[in-house]
Amino acid sequence: MTVVAIHVAPERGGPCVALERGALVPGRGIEGDNHQARPSGEPASELTYIEA
């Protein structure tokens, strides 16, 4: 599989933005995504693959 694009939504319900690079935080998700910054400490599990 080749990654063509990575998009995150910095704010819940907000528009997605494209990332040139993404940092993955173990047990938390993609840095800068609203799911990564959950105050509950609950791990994020949302990920969508779209075949190009």
C-alpha atoms as a PDB file:
ATOM      1  CA  MET A   1       0.000   0.000   0.000  1.00  0.00           C
ATOM      2  CA  THR A   2       1.231   3.493  -0.825  1.00  0.00           C
ATOM      3  CA  VAL A   3       0.103   6.516   1.195  1.00  0.00           C
ATOM      4  CA  VAL A   4      -1.082   9.213  -1.209  1.00  0.00           C
ATOM      5  CA  ALA A   5      -2.372  11.759   1.319  1.00  0.00           C
ATOM      6  CA  ILE A   6      -2.915  12.244   5.047  1.00  0.00           C
ATOM      7  CA  HIS A   7      -5.707  14.522   6.275  1.00  0.00           C
ATOM      8  CA  VAL A   8      -6.628  15.433   9.853  1.00  0.00           C
ATOM      9  CA  ALA A   9      -9.398  17.481  11.432  1.00  0.00           C
ATOM     10  CA  PRO A  10      -7.750  19.784  13.993  1.00  0.00           C
ATOM     11  CA  GLU A  11     -11.137  20.691  15.520  1.00  0.00           C
ATOM     12  CA  ARG A  12     -14.065  18.368  16.131  1.00  0.00           C
ATOM     13  CA  GLY A  13     -16.575  18.829  13.323  1.00  0.00           C
ATOM     14  CA  GLY A  14     -14.183  21.142  11.498  1.00  0.00           C
ATOM     15  CA  PRO A  15     -12.778  20.768   8.010  1.00  0.00           C
ATOM     16  CA  CYS A  16      -9.938  18.371   7.289  1.00  0.00           C
ATOM     17  CA  VAL A  17      -6.538  19.701   6.318  1.00  0.00           C
ATOM     18  CA  ALA A  18      -3.805  17.932   4.354  1.00  0.00           C
ATOM     19  CA  LEU A  19      -0.476  17.189   6.016  1.00  0.00           C
ATOM     20  CA  GLU A  20       2.864  17.114   4.210  1.00  0.00           C
ATOM     21  CA  ARG A  21       4.134  14.869   7.036  1.00  0.00           C
ATOM     22  CA  GLY A  22       2.452  13.286  10.001  1.00  0.00           C
ATOM     23  CA  ALA A  23       3.814  12.284  13.387  1.00  0.00           C
ATOM     24  CA  LEU A  24       2.208   9.221  14.949  1.00  0.00           C
ATOM     25  CA  VAL A  25       1.881   9.175  18.734  1.00  0.00           C
ATOM     26  CA  PRO A  26       1.649   5.604  20.090  1.00  0.00           C
ATOM     27  CA  GLY A  27      -1.775   4.943  21.627  1.00  0.00           C
ATOM     28  CA  ARG A  28      -2.976   8.454  20.726  1.00  0.00           C
ATOM     29  CA  GLY A  29      -3.119   8.830  16.928  1.00  0.00           C
ATOM     30  CA  ILE A  30      -1.849  11.394  14.433  1.00  0.00           C
ATOM     31  CA  GLU A  31      -0.412  14.533  16.012  1.00  0.00           C
ATOM     32  CA  GLY A  32      -2.614  17.549  15.254  1.00  0.00           C
ATOM     33  CA  ASP A  33      -5.847  15.574  14.857  1.00  0.00           C
ATOM     34  CA  ASN A  34      -8.695  16.383  17.248  1.00  0.00           C
ATOM     35  CA  HIS A  35      -8.950  12.718  18.298  1.00  0.00           C
ATOM     36  CA  GLN A  36      -5.292  12.722  19.384  1.00  0.00           C
ATOM     37  CA  ALA A  37      -5.887  15.489  21.899  1.00  0.00           C
ATOM     38  CA  ARG A  38      -8.666  13.765  23.871  1.00  0.00           C
ATOM     39  CA  PRO A  39      -8.591  14.941  27.478  1.00  0.00           C
ATOM     40  CA  SER A  40      -9.947  11.593  28.691  1.00  0.00           C
ATOM     41  CA  GLY A  41      -6.741   9.788  27.760  1.00  0.00           C
ATOM     42  CA  GLU A  42      -8.886   7.298  25.841  1.00  0.00           C
ATOM     43  CA  PRO A  43      -6.975   5.988  22.796  1.00  0.00           C
ATOM     44  CA  ALA A  44      -8.161   7.211  19.412  1.00  0.00           C
ATOM     45  CA  SER A  45      -9.368   4.533  17.009  1.00  0.00           C
ATOM     46  CA  GLU A  46     -10.768   6.431  14.021  1.00  0.00           C
ATOM     47  CA  LEU A  47      -8.966   5.869  10.724  1.00  0.00           C
ATOM     48  CA  THR A  48     -10.376   5.832   7.205  1.00  0.00           C
ATOM     49  CA  TYR A  49      -8.609   4.290   4.210  1.00  0.00           C
ATOM     50  CA  ILE A  50      -9.731   5.326   0.739  1.00  0.00           C
ATOM     51  CA  GLU A  51      -8.331   3.351  -2.181  1.00  0.00           C
ATOM     52  CA  ALA A  52      -6.880   5.574  -4.921  1.00  0.00           C
END
